[in-house]
Amino acid sequence: EGTVKLIFSSTLQQLDEDPNGKKILWGSLK
């Protein structure tokens, strides 16, 4: 968004129970 990089994810509680979501997030963080 302009010069800002954003990553949107589910709530921390939902993400904790979603192994596939964590895997995709980890790839984005890298």
ModelCIF file with pLDDT and N, C-alpha, C, O atoms, coordinates in Angstrom:
data_MODEL
#
_entry.id   MODEL 
#
_entity.id                         1 
_entity.type                       polymer 
_entity.pdbx_number_of_molecules   1 
#
_entity_poly.entity_id                      1 
_entity_poly.type                           'polypeptide(L)' 
_entity_poly.nstd_linkage                   no 
_entity_poly.nstd_monomer                   no 
_entity_poly.pdbx_seq_one_letter_code       EGTVKLIFSSTLQQLDEDPNGKKILWGSLK 
_entity_poly.pdbx_seq_one_letter_code_can   EGTVKLIFSSTLQQLDEDPNGKKILWGSLK 
_entity_poly.pdbx_strand_id                 A 
#
loop_
_entity_poly_seq.entity_id 
_entity_poly_seq.num 
_entity_poly_seq.mon_id 
_entity_poly_seq.hetero 
1 1  GLU n 
1 2  GLY n 
1 3  THR n 
1 4  VAL n 
1 5  LYS n 
1 6  LEU n 
1 7  ILE n 
1 8  PHE n 
1 9  SER n 
1 10 SER n 
1 11 THR n 
1 12 LEU n 
1 13 GLN n 
1 14 GLN n 
1 15 LEU n 
1 16 ASP n 
1 17 GLU n 
1 18 ASP n 
1 19 PRO n 
1 20 ASN n 
1 21 GLY n 
1 22 LYS n 
1 23 LYS n 
1 24 ILE n 
1 25 LEU n 
1 26 TRP n 
1 27 GLY n 
1 28 SER n 
1 29 LEU n 
1 30 LYS n 
#
_struct_asym.id          A 
_struct_asym.entity_id   1 
#
loop_
_ma_qa_metric.id 
_ma_qa_metric.mode 
_ma_qa_metric.name 
_ma_qa_metric.software_group_id 
_ma_qa_metric.type 
1 global pLDDT . pLDDT 
2 local  pLDDT . pLDDT 
#
_ma_qa_metric_global.metric_id      1 
_ma_qa_metric_global.metric_value   91.73 
_ma_qa_metric_global.model_id       1 
_ma_qa_metric_global.ordinal_id     1 
#
loop_
_ma_qa_metric_local.label_asym_id 
_ma_qa_metric_local.label_comp_id 
_ma_qa_metric_local.label_seq_id 
_ma_qa_metric_local.metric_id 
_ma_qa_metric_local.metric_value 
_ma_qa_metric_local.model_id 
_ma_qa_metric_local.ordinal_id 
A GLU 1  2 91.00 1 1  
A GLY 2  2 90.00 1 2  
A THR 3  2 92.00 1 3  
A VAL 4  2 93.00 1 4  
A LYS 5  2 94.00 1 5  
A LEU 6  2 94.00 1 6  
A ILE 7  2 94.00 1 7  
A PHE 8  2 95.00 1 8  
A SER 9  2 94.00 1 9  
A SER 10 2 93.00 1 10 
A THR 11 2 92.00 1 11 
A LEU 12 2 92.00 1 12 
A GLN 13 2 92.00 1 13 
A GLN 14 2 92.00 1 14 
A LEU 15 2 91.00 1 15 
A ASP 16 2 90.00 1 16 
A GLU 17 2 92.00 1 17 
A ASP 18 2 92.00 1 18 
A PRO 19 2 91.00 1 19 
A ASN 20 2 93.00 1 20 
A GLY 21 2 91.00 1 21 
A LYS 22 2 90.00 1 22 
A LYS 23 2 92.00 1 23 
A ILE 24 2 92.00 1 24 
A LEU 25 2 92.00 1 25 
A TRP 26 2 90.00 1 26 
A GLY 27 2 91.00 1 27 
A SER 28 2 90.00 1 28 
A LEU 29 2 89.00 1 29 
A LYS 30 2 88.00 1 30 
#
loop_
_atom_site.group_PDB 
_atom_site.id 
_atom_site.type_symbol 
_atom_site.label_atom_id 
_atom_site.label_alt_id 
_atom_site.label_comp_id 
_atom_site.label_asym_id 
_atom_site.label_entity_id 
_atom_site.label_seq_id 
_atom_site.pdbx_PDB_ins_code 
_atom_site.Cartn_x 
_atom_site.Cartn_y 
_atom_site.Cartn_z 
_atom_site.occupancy 
_atom_site.B_iso_or_equiv 
_atom_site.pdbx_formal_charge 
_atom_site.auth_seq_id 
_atom_site.auth_comp_id 
_atom_site.auth_asym_id 
_atom_site.auth_atom_id 
_atom_site.pdbx_PDB_model_num 
ATOM 1   N N  . GLU A 1 1  ? 0.890  -1.165  0.000  1.00 91.00 ? 1  GLU A N  1 
ATOM 2   C CA . GLU A 1 1  ? 0.000  0.000   0.000  1.00 91.00 ? 1  GLU A CA 1 
ATOM 3   C C  . GLU A 1 1  ? 0.924  1.209   0.000  1.00 91.00 ? 1  GLU A C  1 
ATOM 4   O O  . GLU A 1 1  ? 1.325  1.697   1.057  1.00 91.00 ? 1  GLU A O  1 
ATOM 5   N N  . GLY A 1 2  ? 1.258  1.690   -1.197 1.00 90.00 ? 2  GLY A N  1 
ATOM 6   C CA . GLY A 1 2  ? 2.277  2.729   -1.306 1.00 90.00 ? 2  GLY A CA 1 
ATOM 7   C C  . GLY A 1 2  ? 3.629  2.123   -0.958 1.00 90.00 ? 2  GLY A C  1 
ATOM 8   O O  . GLY A 1 2  ? 4.041  1.125   -1.549 1.00 90.00 ? 2  GLY A O  1 
ATOM 9   N N  . THR A 1 3  ? 4.307  2.722   -0.009 1.00 92.00 ? 3  THR A N  1 
ATOM 10  C CA . THR A 1 3  ? 5.613  2.209   0.414  1.00 92.00 ? 3  THR A CA 1 
ATOM 11  C C  . THR A 1 3  ? 5.506  1.269   1.609  1.00 92.00 ? 3  THR A C  1 
ATOM 12  O O  . THR A 1 3  ? 6.519  0.766   2.095  1.00 92.00 ? 3  THR A O  1 
ATOM 13  N N  . VAL A 1 4  ? 4.306  1.033   2.078  1.00 93.00 ? 4  VAL A N  1 
ATOM 14  C CA . VAL A 1 4  ? 4.091  0.203   3.271  1.00 93.00 ? 4  VAL A CA 1 
ATOM 15  C C  . VAL A 1 4  ? 3.736  -1.217  2.851  1.00 93.00 ? 4  VAL A C  1 
ATOM 16  O O  . VAL A 1 4  ? 2.911  -1.426  1.962  1.00 93.00 ? 4  VAL A O  1 
ATOM 17  N N  . LYS A 1 5  ? 4.371  -2.194  3.504  1.00 94.00 ? 5  LYS A N  1 
ATOM 18  C CA . LYS A 1 5  ? 4.063  -3.602  3.267  1.00 94.00 ? 5  LYS A CA 1 
ATOM 19  C C  . LYS A 1 5  ? 3.122  -4.063  4.376  1.00 94.00 ? 5  LYS A C  1 
ATOM 20  O O  . LYS A 1 5  ? 3.379  -3.839  5.559  1.00 94.00 ? 5  LYS A O  1 
ATOM 21  N N  . LEU A 1 6  ? 2.025  -4.713  3.974  1.00 94.00 ? 6  LEU A N  1 
ATOM 22  C CA . LEU A 1 6  ? 1.034  -5.181  4.937  1.00 94.00 ? 6  LEU A CA 1 
ATOM 23  C C  . LEU A 1 6  ? 0.832  -6.685  4.781  1.00 94.00 ? 6  LEU A C  1 
ATOM 24  O O  . LEU A 1 6  ? 0.899  -7.226  3.677  1.00 94.00 ? 6  LEU A O  1 
ATOM 25  N N  . ILE A 1 7  ? 0.584  -7.346  5.905  1.00 94.00 ? 7  ILE A N  1 
ATOM 26  C CA . ILE A 1 7  ? 0.189  -8.752  5.908  1.00 94.00 ? 7  ILE A CA 1 
ATOM 27  C C  . ILE A 1 7  ? -1.047 -8.862  6.782  1.00 94.00 ? 7  ILE A C  1 
ATOM 28  O O  . ILE A 1 7  ? -1.009 -8.542  7.970  1.00 94.00 ? 7  ILE A O  1 
ATOM 29  N N  . PHE A 1 8  ? -2.146 -9.316  6.188  1.00 95.00 ? 8  PHE A N  1 
ATOM 30  C CA . PHE A 1 8  ? -3.387 -9.516  6.922  1.00 95.00 ? 8  PHE A CA 1 
ATOM 31  C C  . PHE A 1 8  ? -3.541 -11.001 7.210  1.00 95.00 ? 8  PHE A C  1 
ATOM 32  O O  . PHE A 1 8  ? -3.335 -11.841 6.335  1.00 95.00 ? 8  PHE A O  1 
ATOM 33  N N  . SER A 1 9  ? -3.901 -11.308 8.434  1.00 94.00 ? 9  SER A N  1 
ATOM 34  C CA . SER A 1 9  ? -4.090 -12.699 8.831  1.00 94.00 ? 9  SER A CA 1 
ATOM 35  C C  . SER A 1 9  ? -5.294 -12.794 9.748  1.00 94.00 ? 9  SER A C  1 
ATOM 36  O O  . SER A 1 9  ? -5.864 -11.779 10.148 1.00 94.00 ? 9  SER A O  1 
ATOM 37  N N  . SER A 1 10 ? -5.676 -14.014 10.077 1.00 93.00 ? 10 SER A N  1 
ATOM 38  C CA . SER A 1 10 ? -6.790 -14.218 11.009 1.00 93.00 ? 10 SER A CA 1 
ATOM 39  C C  . SER A 1 10 ? -6.336 -13.871 12.422 1.00 93.00 ? 10 SER A C  1 
ATOM 40  O O  . SER A 1 10 ? -5.167 -13.552 12.641 1.00 93.00 ? 10 SER A O  1 
ATOM 41  N N  . THR A 1 11 ? -7.249 -13.931 13.369 1.00 92.00 ? 11 THR A N  1 
ATOM 42  C CA . THR A 1 11 ? -6.885 -13.642 14.760 1.00 92.00 ? 11 THR A CA 1 
ATOM 43  C C  . THR A 1 11 ? -5.810 -14.622 15.215 1.00 92.00 ? 11 THR A C  1 
ATOM 44  O O  . THR A 1 11 ? -5.669 -15.703 14.643 1.00 92.00 ? 11 THR A O  1 
ATOM 45  N N  . LEU A 1 12 ? -5.073 -14.255 16.219 1.00 92.00 ? 12 LEU A N  1 
ATOM 46  C CA . LEU A 1 12 ? -4.002 -15.117 16.718 1.00 92.00 ? 12 LEU A CA 1 
ATOM 47  C C  . LEU A 1 12 ? -4.542 -16.475 17.166 1.00 92.00 ? 12 LEU A C  1 
ATOM 48  O O  . LEU A 1 12 ? -3.894 -17.500 16.950 1.00 92.00 ? 12 LEU A O  1 
ATOM 49  N N  . GLN A 1 13 ? -5.729 -16.489 17.790 1.00 92.00 ? 13 GLN A N  1 
ATOM 50  C CA . GLN A 1 13 ? -6.315 -17.747 18.241 1.00 92.00 ? 13 GLN A CA 1 
ATOM 51  C C  . GLN A 1 13 ? -6.634 -18.648 17.052 1.00 92.00 ? 13 GLN A C  1 
ATOM 52  O O  . GLN A 1 13 ? -6.338 -19.842 17.092 1.00 92.00 ? 13 GLN A O  1 
ATOM 53  N N  . GLN A 1 14 ? -7.233 -18.098 15.994 1.00 92.00 ? 14 GLN A N  1 
ATOM 54  C CA . GLN A 1 14 ? -7.564 -18.882 14.805 1.00 92.00 ? 14 GLN A CA 1 
ATOM 55  C C  . GLN A 1 14 ? -6.309 -19.335 14.075 1.00 92.00 ? 14 GLN A C  1 
ATOM 56  O O  . GLN A 1 14 ? -6.245 -20.465 13.591 1.00 92.00 ? 14 GLN A O  1 
ATOM 57  N N  . LEU A 1 15 ? -5.321 -18.469 13.993 1.00 91.00 ? 15 LEU A N  1 
ATOM 58  C CA . LEU A 1 15 ? -4.074 -18.804 13.319 1.00 91.00 ? 15 LEU A CA 1 
ATOM 59  C C  . LEU A 1 15 ? -3.340 -19.915 14.045 1.00 91.00 ? 15 LEU A C  1 
ATOM 60  O O  . LEU A 1 15 ? -2.708 -20.760 13.412 1.00 91.00 ? 15 LEU A O  1 
ATOM 61  N N  . ASP A 1 16 ? -3.419 -19.922 15.368 1.00 90.00 ? 16 ASP A N  1 
ATOM 62  C CA . ASP A 1 16 ? -2.754 -20.954 16.158 1.00 90.00 ? 16 ASP A CA 1 
ATOM 63  C C  . ASP A 1 16 ? -3.312 -22.338 15.828 1.00 90.00 ? 16 ASP A C  1 
ATOM 64  O O  . ASP A 1 16 ? -2.588 -23.330 15.912 1.00 90.00 ? 16 ASP A O  1 
ATOM 65  N N  . GLU A 1 17 ? -4.577 -22.415 15.458 1.00 92.00 ? 17 GLU A N  1 
ATOM 66  C CA . GLU A 1 17 ? -5.225 -23.694 15.155 1.00 92.00 ? 17 GLU A CA 1 
ATOM 67  C C  . GLU A 1 17 ? -5.222 -24.008 13.656 1.00 92.00 ? 17 GLU A C  1 
ATOM 68  O O  . GLU A 1 17 ? -5.854 -24.979 13.239 1.00 92.00 ? 17 GLU A O  1 
ATOM 69  N N  . ASP A 1 18 ? -4.531 -23.217 12.841 1.00 92.00 ? 18 ASP A N  1 
ATOM 70  C CA . ASP A 1 18 ? -4.521 -23.390 11.390 1.00 92.00 ? 18 ASP A CA 1 
ATOM 71  C C  . ASP A 1 18 ? -3.096 -23.616 10.890 1.00 92.00 ? 18 ASP A C  1 
ATOM 72  O O  . ASP A 1 18 ? -2.405 -22.652 10.560 1.00 92.00 ? 18 ASP A O  1 
ATOM 73  N N  . PRO A 1 19 ? -2.635 -24.894 10.825 1.00 91.00 ? 19 PRO A N  1 
ATOM 74  C CA . PRO A 1 19 ? -1.258 -25.170 10.382 1.00 91.00 ? 19 PRO A CA 1 
ATOM 75  C C  . PRO A 1 19 ? -0.974 -24.673 8.961  1.00 91.00 ? 19 PRO A C  1 
ATOM 76  O O  . PRO A 1 19 ? 0.125  -24.189 8.688  1.00 91.00 ? 19 PRO A O  1 
ATOM 77  N N  . ASN A 1 20 ? -1.941 -24.786 8.061  1.00 93.00 ? 20 ASN A N  1 
ATOM 78  C CA . ASN A 1 20 ? -1.739 -24.322 6.692  1.00 93.00 ? 20 ASN A CA 1 
ATOM 79  C C  . ASN A 1 20 ? -1.590 -22.796 6.655  1.00 93.00 ? 20 ASN A C  1 
ATOM 80  O O  . ASN A 1 20 ? -0.742 -22.271 5.933  1.00 93.00 ? 20 ASN A O  1 
ATOM 81  N N  . GLY A 1 21 ? -2.403 -22.097 7.423  1.00 91.00 ? 21 GLY A N  1 
ATOM 82  C CA . GLY A 1 21 ? -2.301 -20.635 7.497  1.00 91.00 ? 21 GLY A CA 1 
ATOM 83  C C  . GLY A 1 21 ? -0.946 -20.201 8.040  1.00 91.00 ? 21 GLY A C  1 
ATOM 84  O O  . GLY A 1 21 ? -0.358 -19.239 7.546  1.00 91.00 ? 21 GLY A O  1 
ATOM 85  N N  . LYS A 1 22 ? -0.441 -20.912 9.065  1.00 90.00 ? 22 LYS A N  1 
ATOM 86  C CA . LYS A 1 22 ? 0.872  -20.584 9.631  1.00 90.00 ? 22 LYS A CA 1 
ATOM 87  C C  . LYS A 1 22 ? 1.971  -20.803 8.594  1.00 90.00 ? 22 LYS A C  1 
ATOM 88  O O  . LYS A 1 22 ? 2.920  -20.022 8.517  1.00 90.00 ? 22 LYS A O  1 
ATOM 89  N N  . LYS A 1 23 ? 1.845  -21.852 7.806  1.00 92.00 ? 23 LYS A N  1 
ATOM 90  C CA . LYS A 1 23 ? 2.849  -22.168 6.789  1.00 92.00 ? 23 LYS A CA 1 
ATOM 91  C C  . LYS A 1 23 ? 2.891  -21.060 5.732  1.00 92.00 ? 23 LYS A C  1 
ATOM 92  O O  . LYS A 1 23 ? 3.968  -20.603 5.349  1.00 92.00 ? 23 LYS A O  1 
ATOM 93  N N  . ILE A 1 24 ? 1.718  -20.633 5.266  1.00 92.00 ? 24 ILE A N  1 
ATOM 94  C CA . ILE A 1 24 ? 1.646  -19.558 4.265  1.00 92.00 ? 24 ILE A CA 1 
ATOM 95  C C  . ILE A 1 24 ? 2.185  -18.249 4.850  1.00 92.00 ? 24 ILE A C  1 
ATOM 96  O O  . ILE A 1 24 ? 2.912  -17.515 4.181  1.00 92.00 ? 24 ILE A O  1 
ATOM 97  N N  . LEU A 1 25 ? 1.823  -17.968 6.102  1.00 92.00 ? 25 LEU A N  1 
ATOM 98  C CA . LEU A 1 25 ? 2.311  -16.754 6.771  1.00 92.00 ? 25 LEU A CA 1 
ATOM 99  C C  . LEU A 1 25 ? 3.827  -16.779 6.885  1.00 92.00 ? 25 LEU A C  1 
ATOM 100 O O  . LEU A 1 25 ? 4.477  -15.762 6.640  1.00 92.00 ? 25 LEU A O  1 
ATOM 101 N N  . TRP A 1 26 ? 4.401  -17.909 7.247  1.00 90.00 ? 26 TRP A N  1 
ATOM 102 C CA . TRP A 1 26 ? 5.849  -18.020 7.396  1.00 90.00 ? 26 TRP A CA 1 
ATOM 103 C C  . TRP A 1 26 ? 6.537  -17.716 6.063  1.00 90.00 ? 26 TRP A C  1 
ATOM 104 O O  . TRP A 1 26 ? 7.562  -17.034 6.033  1.00 90.00 ? 26 TRP A O  1 
ATOM 105 N N  . GLY A 1 27 ? 5.973  -18.225 4.957  1.00 91.00 ? 27 GLY A N  1 
ATOM 106 C CA . GLY A 1 27 ? 6.549  -17.922 3.642  1.00 91.00 ? 27 GLY A CA 1 
ATOM 107 C C  . GLY A 1 27 ? 6.512  -16.424 3.339  1.00 91.00 ? 27 GLY A C  1 
ATOM 108 O O  . GLY A 1 27 ? 7.458  -15.877 2.773  1.00 91.00 ? 27 GLY A O  1 
ATOM 109 N N  . SER A 1 28 ? 5.430  -15.774 3.713  1.00 90.00 ? 28 SER A N  1 
ATOM 110 C CA . SER A 1 28 ? 5.311  -14.325 3.500  1.00 90.00 ? 28 SER A CA 1 
ATOM 111 C C  . SER A 1 28 ? 6.283  -13.560 4.382  1.00 90.00 ? 28 SER A C  1 
ATOM 112 O O  . SER A 1 28 ? 6.860  -12.565 3.942  1.00 90.00 ? 28 SER A O  1 
ATOM 113 N N  . LEU A 1 29 ? 6.475  -14.003 5.615  1.00 89.00 ? 29 LEU A N  1 
ATOM 114 C CA . LEU A 1 29 ? 7.413  -13.324 6.520  1.00 89.00 ? 29 LEU A CA 1 
ATOM 115 C C  . LEU A 1 29 ? 8.833  -13.414 5.994  1.00 89.00 ? 29 LEU A C  1 
ATOM 116 O O  . LEU A 1 29 ? 9.609  -12.470 6.139  1.00 89.00 ? 29 LEU A O  1 
ATOM 117 N N  . LYS A 1 30 ? 9.179  -14.532 5.391  1.00 88.00 ? 30 LYS A N  1 
ATOM 118 C CA . LYS A 1 30 ? 10.530 -14.691 4.824  1.00 88.00 ? 30 LYS A CA 1 
ATOM 119 C C  . LYS A 1 30 ? 10.739 -13.725 3.662  1.00 88.00 ? 30 LYS A C  1 
ATOM 120 O O  . LYS A 1 30 ? 11.812 -13.710 3.058  1.00 88.00 ? 30 LYS A O  1 
#
